[in-house]
Amino acid sequence: MGLPKTICRTQRRALLDEIYAPLNQFKKKSKEWYELFNSGKVWKDYYHPFEWRTKDYEYQEKNIHHLKEIDNLRTKIPTMKSTLQNMIVNFSQKSCAIEGNTLELSESQEIWDRLRNYDLDALLIHEKFPLPSSISSSDKPEEEIIEIPGKFRTMVMQSYGDHLTVYPYPEEIPKLMDEFINFHDESKNIDIHPIMISCRLHASLAHIHPFYDGNGRVSRLIMAKYLIRNGYLPAIFHQVKREDYIDSLRKTQKEKDASMLYDIVISEILSSYKEE
């Protein structure tokens, strides 16, 4: 049984006051106040989502044997196009399942088989398809959802599962996304394994939560893209429990410790190579 709502609200209010305390140096809604608020710096300086910490390097040193094992398997097992195509189906199904979607693997395969026979670009350009009827389960009307793809959210959002998870305010998102892109681009210049980098990219984007919907799926796609472009199979999340996965993100965000997320992703990728 969870905490009473009044206690949750009190705890969350106290945390917000702590995070945004630097704004108190300026008169509320003054020019200086808005400049600092809109910069995203206050939220960023509290959570430090784009910084590499001593514990990251310590984790890499402690687990280098697992990372080297993956590197060795990668050189021995070529990543064939057919392998990646099969993994697309698995990735899609598991990425939905980890968020509670009941899409079956066979349904994912059928969707993939049908989609690859269509010239989707031509269809989307020349036809105006209605959204699938399943979208009606959303709490937003179809017209609104059509308008918001590609746009950052403009409303405050809160995690349903954890009242102490704080996503940035909408005004902070544009600057934080600039920071995220820099974090992504500069990652090639640091002495951290690509698998660990992919985990931090996933966690940081999920924590910024820039979109109205699909933040988890998009951040997992970013992770998969980074892994594939660096010559690795993506993490499929075959074996991980949803609760453990969510807990690993919370620890990465709130405790500034990505060890649990690293463990999960390394284990998943290692299993994928051993199954090839």
C-alpha atoms as a PDB file:
ATOM      1  CA  MET A   1       0.000   0.000   0.000  1.00  0.00           C
ATOM      2  CA  GLY A   2       1.374   3.396  -1.008  1.00  0.00           C
ATOM      3  CA  LEU A   3       1.715   6.539   1.026  1.00  0.00           C
ATOM      4  CA  PRO A   4      -1.348   8.768   1.538  1.00  0.00           C
ATOM      5  CA  LYS A   5      -1.741  11.388  -1.186  1.00  0.00           C
ATOM      6  CA  THR A   6      -1.248  14.259   1.249  1.00  0.00           C
ATOM      7  CA  ILE A   7       2.152  12.896   2.293  1.00  0.00           C
ATOM      8  CA  CYS A   8       3.147  12.327  -1.343  1.00  0.00           C
ATOM      9  CA  ARG A   9       2.226  15.905  -2.237  1.00  0.00           C
ATOM     10  CA  THR A  10       4.129  17.280   0.754  1.00  0.00           C
ATOM     11  CA  GLN A  11       7.236  15.266  -0.089  1.00  0.00           C
ATOM     12  CA  ARG A  12       7.110  16.260  -3.741  1.00  0.00           C
ATOM     13  CA  ARG A  13       6.646  19.935  -2.871  1.00  0.00           C
ATOM     14  CA  ALA A  14       9.653  19.794  -0.556  1.00  0.00           C
ATOM     15  CA  LEU A  15      11.757  18.189  -3.298  1.00  0.00           C
ATOM     16  CA  LEU A  16      10.703  20.788  -5.873  1.00  0.00           C
ATOM     17  CA  ASP A  17      11.599  23.560  -3.415  1.00  0.00           C
ATOM     18  CA  GLU A  18      15.021  21.964  -2.955  1.00  0.00           C
ATOM     19  CA  ILE A  19      15.676  21.522  -6.681  1.00  0.00           C
ATOM     20  CA  TYR A  20      14.587  25.025  -7.654  1.00  0.00           C
ATOM     21  CA  ALA A  21      16.029  26.851  -4.629  1.00  0.00           C
ATOM     22  CA  PRO A  22      18.617  28.676  -6.829  1.00  0.00           C
ATOM     23  CA  LEU A  23      15.744  30.670  -8.333  1.00  0.00           C
ATOM     24  CA  ASN A  24      15.176  32.310  -4.953  1.00  0.00           C
ATOM     25  CA  GLN A  25      18.181  34.577  -5.480  1.00  0.00           C
ATOM     26  CA  PHE A  26      16.048  36.571  -7.911  1.00  0.00           C
ATOM     27  CA  LYS A  27      12.666  38.209  -7.620  1.00  0.00           C
ATOM     28  CA  LYS A  28      10.084  35.751  -8.915  1.00  0.00           C
ATOM     29  CA  LYS A  29       9.221  36.286 -12.587  1.00  0.00           C
ATOM     30  CA  SER A  30      11.872  38.966 -12.989  1.00  0.00           C
ATOM     31  CA  LYS A  31      14.010  38.946 -16.137  1.00  0.00           C
ATOM     32  CA  GLU A  32      16.874  37.236 -14.304  1.00  0.00           C
ATOM     33  CA  TRP A  33      14.489  34.682 -12.777  1.00  0.00           C
ATOM     34  CA  TYR A  34      13.080  33.750 -16.183  1.00  0.00           C
ATOM     35  CA  GLU A  35      16.532  33.557 -17.767  1.00  0.00           C
ATOM     36  CA  LEU A  36      17.745  31.103 -15.159  1.00  0.00           C
ATOM     37  CA  PHE A  37      14.508  29.107 -15.177  1.00  0.00           C
ATOM     38  CA  ASN A  38      14.379  28.776 -18.962  1.00  0.00           C
ATOM     39  CA  SER A  39      18.061  27.827 -19.186  1.00  0.00           C
ATOM     40  CA  GLY A  40      17.425  24.374 -17.717  1.00  0.00           C
ATOM     41  CA  LYS A  41      20.508  24.909 -15.589  1.00  0.00           C
ATOM     42  CA  VAL A  42      18.687  24.587 -12.251  1.00  0.00           C
ATOM     43  CA  TRP A  43      17.273  21.129 -13.011  1.00  0.00           C
ATOM     44  CA  LYS A  44      20.508  20.042 -14.716  1.00  0.00           C
ATOM     45  CA  ASP A  45      22.719  21.154 -11.831  1.00  0.00           C
ATOM     46  CA  TYR A  46      20.605  19.147  -9.394  1.00  0.00           C
ATOM     47  CA  TYR A  47      20.511  15.856 -11.311  1.00  0.00           C
ATOM     48  CA  HIS A  48      23.724  16.120 -13.397  1.00  0.00           C
ATOM     49  CA  PRO A  49      22.385  13.860 -16.173  1.00  0.00           C
ATOM     50  CA  PHE A  50      25.182  14.731 -18.605  1.00  0.00           C
ATOM     51  CA  GLU A  51      28.188  14.170 -16.354  1.00  0.00           C
ATOM     52  CA  TRP A  52      30.465  11.153 -16.111  1.00  0.00           C
ATOM     53  CA  ARG A  53      31.268  10.306 -12.529  1.00  0.00           C
ATOM     54  CA  THR A  54      34.016   8.447 -10.719  1.00  0.00           C
ATOM     55  CA  LYS A  55      31.607   5.570 -10.067  1.00  0.00           C
ATOM     56  CA  ASP A  56      31.118   5.145 -13.847  1.00  0.00           C
ATOM     57  CA  TYR A  57      34.843   4.645 -14.400  1.00  0.00           C
ATOM     58  CA  GLU A  58      35.004   2.366 -11.375  1.00  0.00           C
ATOM     59  CA  TYR A  59      32.157   0.287 -12.760  1.00  0.00           C
ATOM     60  CA  GLN A  60      33.912  -0.008 -16.119  1.00  0.00           C
ATOM     61  CA  GLU A  61      37.139  -1.140 -14.485  1.00  0.00           C
ATOM     62  CA  LYS A  62      35.339  -3.674 -12.279  1.00  0.00           C
ATOM     63  CA  ASN A  63      33.306  -5.122 -15.168  1.00  0.00           C
ATOM     64  CA  ILE A  64      35.825  -4.828 -17.986  1.00  0.00           C
ATOM     65  CA  HIS A  65      35.895  -8.626 -18.393  1.00  0.00           C
ATOM     66  CA  HIS A  66      32.190  -8.669 -19.357  1.00  0.00           C
ATOM     67  CA  LEU A  67      32.655  -5.774 -21.771  1.00  0.00           C
ATOM     68  CA  LYS A  68      35.684  -7.449 -23.357  1.00  0.00           C
ATOM     69  CA  GLU A  69      33.748 -10.706 -23.677  1.00  0.00           C
ATOM     70  CA  ILE A  70      31.085  -8.861 -25.671  1.00  0.00           C
ATOM     71  CA  ASP A  71      33.770  -7.210 -27.810  1.00  0.00           C
ATOM     72  CA  ASN A  72      35.330 -10.607 -28.535  1.00  0.00           C
ATOM     73  CA  LEU A  73      31.983 -12.170 -29.437  1.00  0.00           C
ATOM     74  CA  ARG A  74      31.208  -9.200 -31.654  1.00  0.00           C
ATOM     75  CA  THR A  75      34.299  -9.855 -33.788  1.00  0.00           C
ATOM     76  CA  LYS A  76      33.515 -13.572 -34.101  1.00  0.00           C
ATOM     77  CA  ILE A  77      29.810 -13.259 -34.868  1.00  0.00           C
ATOM     78  CA  PRO A  78      29.052 -11.022 -37.870  1.00  0.00           C
ATOM     79  CA  THR A  79      25.889  -8.980 -37.497  1.00  0.00           C
ATOM     80  CA  MET A  80      23.932 -10.044 -40.565  1.00  0.00           C
ATOM     81  CA  LYS A  81      21.104  -7.969 -42.023  1.00  0.00           C
ATOM     82  CA  SER A  82      18.690 -10.831 -41.352  1.00  0.00           C
ATOM     83  CA  THR A  83      19.797 -10.917 -37.705  1.00  0.00           C
ATOM     84  CA  LEU A  84      19.063  -7.221 -37.254  1.00  0.00           C
ATOM     85  CA  GLN A  85      15.694  -7.576 -39.002  1.00  0.00           C
ATOM     86  CA  ASN A  86      14.695 -10.350 -36.622  1.00  0.00           C
ATOM     87  CA  MET A  87      15.879  -8.248 -33.706  1.00  0.00           C
ATOM     88  CA  ILE A  88      13.720  -5.335 -34.863  1.00  0.00           C
ATOM     89  CA  VAL A  89      10.672  -7.519 -34.282  1.00  0.00           C
ATOM     90  CA  ASN A  90      11.911  -8.661 -30.873  1.00  0.00           C
ATOM     91  CA  PHE A  91      12.950  -5.145 -29.877  1.00  0.00           C
ATOM     92  CA  SER A  92       9.554  -3.695 -30.820  1.00  0.00           C
ATOM     93  CA  GLN A  93       7.645  -6.360 -28.916  1.00  0.00           C
ATOM     94  CA  LYS A  94       9.795  -6.148 -25.789  1.00  0.00           C
ATOM     95  CA  SER A  95       9.922  -2.345 -25.851  1.00  0.00           C
ATOM     96  CA  CYS A  96       6.113  -2.349 -25.762  1.00  0.00           C
ATOM     97  CA  ALA A  97       5.905  -5.151 -23.205  1.00  0.00           C
ATOM     98  CA  ILE A  98       8.179  -3.382 -20.744  1.00  0.00           C
ATOM     99  CA  GLU A  99       5.583  -0.590 -20.626  1.00  0.00           C
ATOM    100  CA  GLY A 100       2.699  -2.984 -20.075  1.00  0.00           C
ATOM    101  CA  ASN A 101       1.579  -3.404 -23.709  1.00  0.00           C
ATOM    102  CA  THR A 102       0.355  -6.937 -24.459  1.00  0.00           C
ATOM    103  CA  LEU A 103       1.473  -7.053 -28.110  1.00  0.00           C
ATOM    104  CA  GLU A 104       2.533 -10.639 -28.873  1.00  0.00           C
ATOM    105  CA  LEU A 105       5.751 -11.525 -30.702  1.00  0.00           C
ATOM    106  CA  SER A 106       3.725 -13.120 -33.519  1.00  0.00           C
ATOM    107  CA  GLU A 107       1.775  -9.860 -33.909  1.00  0.00           C
ATOM    108  CA  SER A 108       5.027  -7.878 -34.069  1.00  0.00           C
ATOM    109  CA  GLN A 109       6.292 -10.262 -36.762  1.00  0.00           C
ATOM    110  CA  GLU A 110       3.084  -9.884 -38.776  1.00  0.00           C
ATOM    111  CA  ILE A 111       3.296  -6.076 -38.554  1.00  0.00           C
ATOM    112  CA  TRP A 112       6.934  -6.143 -39.682  1.00  0.00           C
ATOM    113  CA  ASP A 113       6.193  -8.540 -42.578  1.00  0.00           C
ATOM    114  CA  ARG A 114       3.402  -6.286 -43.819  1.00  0.00           C
ATOM    115  CA  LEU A 115       5.240  -3.003 -43.375  1.00  0.00           C
ATOM    116  CA  ARG A 116       8.349  -4.031 -45.286  1.00  0.00           C
ATOM    117  CA  ASN A 117       6.196  -4.749 -48.382  1.00  0.00           C
ATOM    118  CA  TYR A 118       4.963  -1.164 -48.540  1.00  0.00           C
ATOM    119  CA  ASP A 119       6.606   2.020 -49.739  1.00  0.00           C
ATOM    120  CA  LEU A 120       5.644   3.860 -46.560  1.00  0.00           C
ATOM    121  CA  ASP A 121       7.186   7.182 -47.613  1.00  0.00           C
ATOM    122  CA  ALA A 122       5.043   7.291 -50.755  1.00  0.00           C
ATOM    123  CA  LEU A 123       1.932   6.234 -48.865  1.00  0.00           C
ATOM    124  CA  LEU A 124       2.399   8.882 -46.187  1.00  0.00           C
ATOM    125  CA  ILE A 125       3.040  11.608 -48.748  1.00  0.00           C
ATOM    126  CA  HIS A 126       0.097  10.857 -51.029  1.00  0.00           C
ATOM    127  CA  GLU A 127      -2.493   9.549 -48.595  1.00  0.00           C
ATOM    128  CA  LYS A 128      -3.959  10.881 -45.354  1.00  0.00           C
ATOM    129  CA  PHE A 129      -4.468   7.829 -43.195  1.00  0.00           C
ATOM    130  CA  PRO A 130      -6.556   8.049 -40.014  1.00  0.00           C
ATOM    131  CA  LEU A 131      -4.795   7.062 -36.838  1.00  0.00           C
ATOM    132  CA  PRO A 132      -5.341   3.422 -35.784  1.00  0.00           C
ATOM    133  CA  SER A 133      -8.441   2.929 -33.677  1.00  0.00           C
ATOM    134  CA  SER A 134      -6.295   1.670 -30.787  1.00  0.00           C
ATOM    135  CA  ILE A 135      -5.144   5.239 -30.240  1.00  0.00           C
ATOM    136  CA  SER A 136      -8.575   5.860 -28.739  1.00  0.00           C
ATOM    137  CA  SER A 137      -7.288   4.403 -25.486  1.00  0.00           C
ATOM    138  CA  SER A 138      -5.300   7.616 -25.088  1.00  0.00           C
ATOM    139  CA  ASP A 139      -6.726  10.377 -22.936  1.00  0.00           C
ATOM    140  CA  LYS A 140      -6.056  12.911 -25.732  1.00  0.00           C
ATOM    141  CA  PRO A 141      -8.385  13.460 -28.716  1.00  0.00           C
ATOM    142  CA  GLU A 142      -7.143  12.303 -32.113  1.00  0.00           C
ATOM    143  CA  GLU A 143      -6.937  15.866 -33.482  1.00  0.00           C
ATOM    144  CA  GLU A 144      -4.614  16.873 -30.641  1.00  0.00           C
ATOM    145  CA  ILE A 145      -2.330  13.873 -31.089  1.00  0.00           C
ATOM    146  CA  ILE A 146      -2.060  14.588 -34.826  1.00  0.00           C
ATOM    147  CA  GLU A 147      -0.862  18.100 -34.016  1.00  0.00           C
ATOM    148  CA  ILE A 148       1.813  17.195 -31.456  1.00  0.00           C
ATOM    149  CA  PRO A 149       4.216  14.703 -33.130  1.00  0.00           C
ATOM    150  CA  GLY A 150       7.694  16.207 -33.240  1.00  0.00           C
ATOM    151  CA  LYS A 151       6.870  18.882 -30.677  1.00  0.00           C
ATOM    152  CA  PHE A 152       8.152  19.134 -27.140  1.00  0.00           C
ATOM    153  CA  ARG A 153       5.515  18.965 -24.455  1.00  0.00           C
ATOM    154  CA  THR A 154       4.076  22.216 -23.119  1.00  0.00           C
ATOM    155  CA  MET A 155       2.560  20.858 -19.926  1.00  0.00           C
ATOM    156  CA  VAL A 156       3.982  19.698 -16.601  1.00  0.00           C
ATOM    157  CA  MET A 157       4.203  15.917 -16.338  1.00  0.00           C
ATOM    158  CA  GLN A 158       4.646  13.644 -13.336  1.00  0.00           C
ATOM    159  CA  SER A 159       5.555   9.977 -13.053  1.00  0.00           C
ATOM    160  CA  TYR A 160       2.577   7.874 -12.003  1.00  0.00           C
ATOM    161  CA  GLY A 161       4.833   5.313 -10.391  1.00  0.00           C
ATOM    162  CA  ASP A 162       7.009   7.589  -8.266  1.00  0.00           C
ATOM    163  CA  HIS A 163       5.975  10.962  -6.860  1.00  0.00           C
ATOM    164  CA  LEU A 164       9.643  11.835  -6.263  1.00  0.00           C
ATOM    165  CA  THR A 165      10.640  11.535  -9.912  1.00  0.00           C
ATOM    166  CA  VAL A 166      10.840  15.120 -11.169  1.00  0.00           C
ATOM    167  CA  TYR A 167      10.793  15.826 -14.881  1.00  0.00           C
ATOM    168  CA  PRO A 168      11.860  19.325 -15.935  1.00  0.00           C
ATOM    169  CA  TYR A 169       9.278  22.016 -16.593  1.00  0.00           C
ATOM    170  CA  PRO A 170       8.326  22.539 -20.269  1.00  0.00           C
ATOM    171  CA  GLU A 171      10.209  25.854 -20.398  1.00  0.00           C
ATOM    172  CA  GLU A 172      13.447  24.016 -19.572  1.00  0.00           C
ATOM    173  CA  ILE A 173      13.178  21.338 -22.242  1.00  0.00           C
ATOM    174  CA  PRO A 174      14.604  23.126 -25.342  1.00  0.00           C
ATOM    175  CA  LYS A 175      17.880  24.009 -23.596  1.00  0.00           C
ATOM    176  CA  LEU A 176      18.103  20.585 -21.963  1.00  0.00           C
ATOM    177  CA  MET A 177      17.646  18.912 -25.346  1.00  0.00           C
ATOM    178  CA  ASP A 178      20.503  21.024 -26.690  1.00  0.00           C
ATOM    179  CA  GLU A 179      22.566  19.723 -23.779  1.00  0.00           C
ATOM    180  CA  PHE A 180      21.463  16.166 -24.543  1.00  0.00           C
ATOM    181  CA  ILE A 181      22.578  16.462 -28.166  1.00  0.00           C
ATOM    182  CA  ASN A 182      25.961  17.799 -27.038  1.00  0.00           C
ATOM    183  CA  PHE A 183      26.234  14.928 -24.550  1.00  0.00           C
ATOM    184  CA  HIS A 184      25.508  12.475 -27.373  1.00  0.00           C
ATOM    185  CA  ASP A 185      27.963  14.071 -29.805  1.00  0.00           C
ATOM    186  CA  GLU A 186      30.788  14.452 -27.298  1.00  0.00           C
ATOM    187  CA  SER A 187      30.504  10.886 -26.021  1.00  0.00           C
ATOM    188  CA  LYS A 188      32.911   9.667 -28.687  1.00  0.00           C
ATOM    189  CA  ASN A 189      35.689  11.656 -27.031  1.00  0.00           C
ATOM    190  CA  ILE A 190      35.588   9.944 -23.637  1.00  0.00           C
ATOM    191  CA  ASP A 191      37.140   6.716 -22.407  1.00  0.00           C
ATOM    192  CA  ILE A 192      33.857   4.977 -21.610  1.00  0.00           C
ATOM    193  CA  HIS A 193      32.594   1.816 -23.310  1.00  0.00           C
ATOM    194  CA  PRO A 194      29.864   2.405 -25.942  1.00  0.00           C
ATOM    195  CA  ILE A 195      27.434   0.108 -24.109  1.00  0.00           C
ATOM    196  CA  MET A 196      27.675   2.262 -20.993  1.00  0.00           C
ATOM    197  CA  ILE A 197      27.310   5.423 -23.072  1.00  0.00           C
ATOM    198  CA  SER A 198      24.144   4.033 -24.650  1.00  0.00           C
ATOM    199  CA  CYS A 199      22.698   3.415 -21.177  1.00  0.00           C
ATOM    200  CA  ARG A 200      23.309   6.999 -20.087  1.00  0.00           C
ATOM    201  CA  LEU A 201      21.819   8.360 -23.308  1.00  0.00           C
ATOM    202  CA  HIS A 202      18.713   6.280 -22.663  1.00  0.00           C
ATOM    203  CA  ALA A 203      18.412   7.330 -19.023  1.00  0.00           C
ATOM    204  CA  SER A 204      19.049  11.038 -19.596  1.00  0.00           C
ATOM    205  CA  LEU A 205      16.479  11.359 -22.393  1.00  0.00           C
ATOM    206  CA  ALA A 206      13.910   9.385 -20.401  1.00  0.00           C
ATOM    207  CA  HIS A 207      14.476  11.724 -17.456  1.00  0.00           C
ATOM    208  CA  ILE A 208      14.100  14.888 -19.533  1.00  0.00           C
ATOM    209  CA  HIS A 209      10.823  13.372 -20.751  1.00  0.00           C
ATOM    210  CA  PRO A 210      10.560  15.872 -23.609  1.00  0.00           C
ATOM    211  CA  PHE A 211       7.463  14.520 -25.354  1.00  0.00           C
ATOM    212  CA  TYR A 212       3.795  14.071 -24.504  1.00  0.00           C
ATOM    213  CA  ASP A 213       4.032  10.330 -25.003  1.00  0.00           C
ATOM    214  CA  GLY A 214       6.479   7.620 -26.045  1.00  0.00           C
ATOM    215  CA  ASN A 215       9.464   8.913 -24.075  1.00  0.00           C
ATOM    216  CA  GLY A 216      10.481   5.432 -22.944  1.00  0.00           C
ATOM    217  CA  ARG A 217      10.230   3.951 -26.426  1.00  0.00           C
ATOM    218  CA  VAL A 218      12.108   6.843 -28.024  1.00  0.00           C
ATOM    219  CA  SER A 219      14.905   6.711 -25.455  1.00  0.00           C
ATOM    220  CA  ARG A 220      15.268   2.942 -25.962  1.00  0.00           C
ATOM    221  CA  LEU A 221      15.440   3.529 -29.726  1.00  0.00           C
ATOM    222  CA  ILE A 222      18.190   6.114 -29.184  1.00  0.00           C
ATOM    223  CA  MET A 223      20.083   3.522 -27.150  1.00  0.00           C
ATOM    224  CA  ALA A 224      19.567   0.857 -29.825  1.00  0.00           C
ATOM    225  CA  LYS A 225      20.677   3.221 -32.589  1.00  0.00           C
ATOM    226  CA  TYR A 226      23.837   4.135 -30.714  1.00  0.00           C
ATOM    227  CA  LEU A 227      24.699   0.480 -30.128  1.00  0.00           C
ATOM    228  CA  ILE A 228      24.072  -0.559 -33.736  1.00  0.00           C
ATOM    229  CA  ARG A 229      26.117   2.334 -35.126  1.00  0.00           C
ATOM    230  CA  ASN A 230      28.972   1.284 -32.893  1.00  0.00           C
ATOM    231  CA  GLY A 231      28.775  -2.293 -34.118  1.00  0.00           C
ATOM    232  CA  TYR A 232      26.805  -3.914 -31.279  1.00  0.00           C
ATOM    233  CA  LEU A 233      23.519  -5.758 -31.109  1.00  0.00           C
ATOM    234  CA  PRO A 234      20.804  -3.743 -29.336  1.00  0.00           C
ATOM    235  CA  ALA A 235      19.530  -4.649 -25.883  1.00  0.00           C
ATOM    236  CA  ILE A 236      16.222  -6.489 -26.329  1.00  0.00           C
ATOM    237  CA  PHE A 237      15.222  -6.786 -22.636  1.00  0.00           C
ATOM    238  CA  HIS A 238      14.251 -10.450 -22.998  1.00  0.00           C
ATOM    239  CA  GLN A 239      14.868 -11.426 -19.396  1.00  0.00           C
ATOM    240  CA  VAL A 240      14.495  -8.282 -17.316  1.00  0.00           C
ATOM    241  CA  LYS A 241      11.430  -7.672 -15.181  1.00  0.00           C
ATOM    242  CA  ARG A 242       9.594  -4.410 -15.782  1.00  0.00           C
ATOM    243  CA  GLU A 243       9.954  -3.457 -12.116  1.00  0.00           C
ATOM    244  CA  ASP A 244      13.734  -3.972 -12.203  1.00  0.00           C
ATOM    245  CA  TYR A 245      14.079  -1.973 -15.412  1.00  0.00           C
ATOM    246  CA  ILE A 246      12.112   0.966 -13.980  1.00  0.00           C
ATOM    247  CA  ASP A 247      14.061   0.750 -10.727  1.00  0.00           C
ATOM    248  CA  SER A 248      17.337   0.929 -12.663  1.00  0.00           C
ATOM    249  CA  LEU A 249      16.219   4.166 -14.330  1.00  0.00           C
ATOM    250  CA  ARG A 250      15.153   5.653 -11.000  1.00  0.00           C
ATOM    251  CA  LYS A 251      18.539   4.872  -9.476  1.00  0.00           C
ATOM    252  CA  THR A 252      20.323   6.363 -12.472  1.00  0.00           C
ATOM    253  CA  GLN A 253      18.273   9.540 -12.203  1.00  0.00           C
ATOM    254  CA  LYS A 254      17.798  10.046  -8.464  1.00  0.00           C
ATOM    255  CA  GLU A 255      20.860   8.358  -6.966  1.00  0.00           C
ATOM    256  CA  LYS A 256      23.161   9.245  -9.867  1.00  0.00           C
ATOM    257  CA  ASP A 257      24.188   5.597 -10.043  1.00  0.00           C
ATOM    258  CA  ALA A 258      23.727   3.751 -13.345  1.00  0.00           C
ATOM    259  CA  SER A 259      25.256   0.468 -12.133  1.00  0.00           C
ATOM    260  CA  MET A 260      21.961  -1.430 -12.125  1.00  0.00           C
ATOM    261  CA  LEU A 261      21.094  -0.220 -15.635  1.00  0.00           C
ATOM    262  CA  TYR A 262      24.590  -1.141 -16.855  1.00  0.00           C
ATOM    263  CA  ASP A 263      24.180  -4.627 -15.361  1.00  0.00           C
ATOM    264  CA  ILE A 264      20.839  -5.166 -17.093  1.00  0.00           C
ATOM    265  CA  VAL A 265      21.946  -3.969 -20.528  1.00  0.00           C
ATOM    266  CA  ILE A 266      25.301  -5.779 -20.487  1.00  0.00           C
ATOM    267  CA  SER A 267      23.553  -9.003 -19.470  1.00  0.00           C
ATOM    268  CA  GLU A 268      20.945  -8.624 -22.224  1.00  0.00           C
ATOM    269  CA  ILE A 269      23.505  -7.917 -24.954  1.00  0.00           C
ATOM    270  CA  LEU A 270      25.772 -10.739 -23.800  1.00  0.00           C
ATOM    271  CA  SER A 271      22.821 -13.146 -23.916  1.00  0.00           C
ATOM    272  CA  SER A 272      21.947 -12.008 -27.450  1.00  0.00           C
ATOM    273  CA  TYR A 273      25.466 -12.749 -28.704  1.00  0.00           C
ATOM    274  CA  LYS A 274      25.538 -16.148 -27.031  1.00  0.00           C
ATOM    275  CA  GLU A 275      22.242 -17.050 -28.704  1.00  0.00           C
ATOM    276  CA  GLU A 276      23.624 -16.277 -32.173  1.00  0.00           C
END
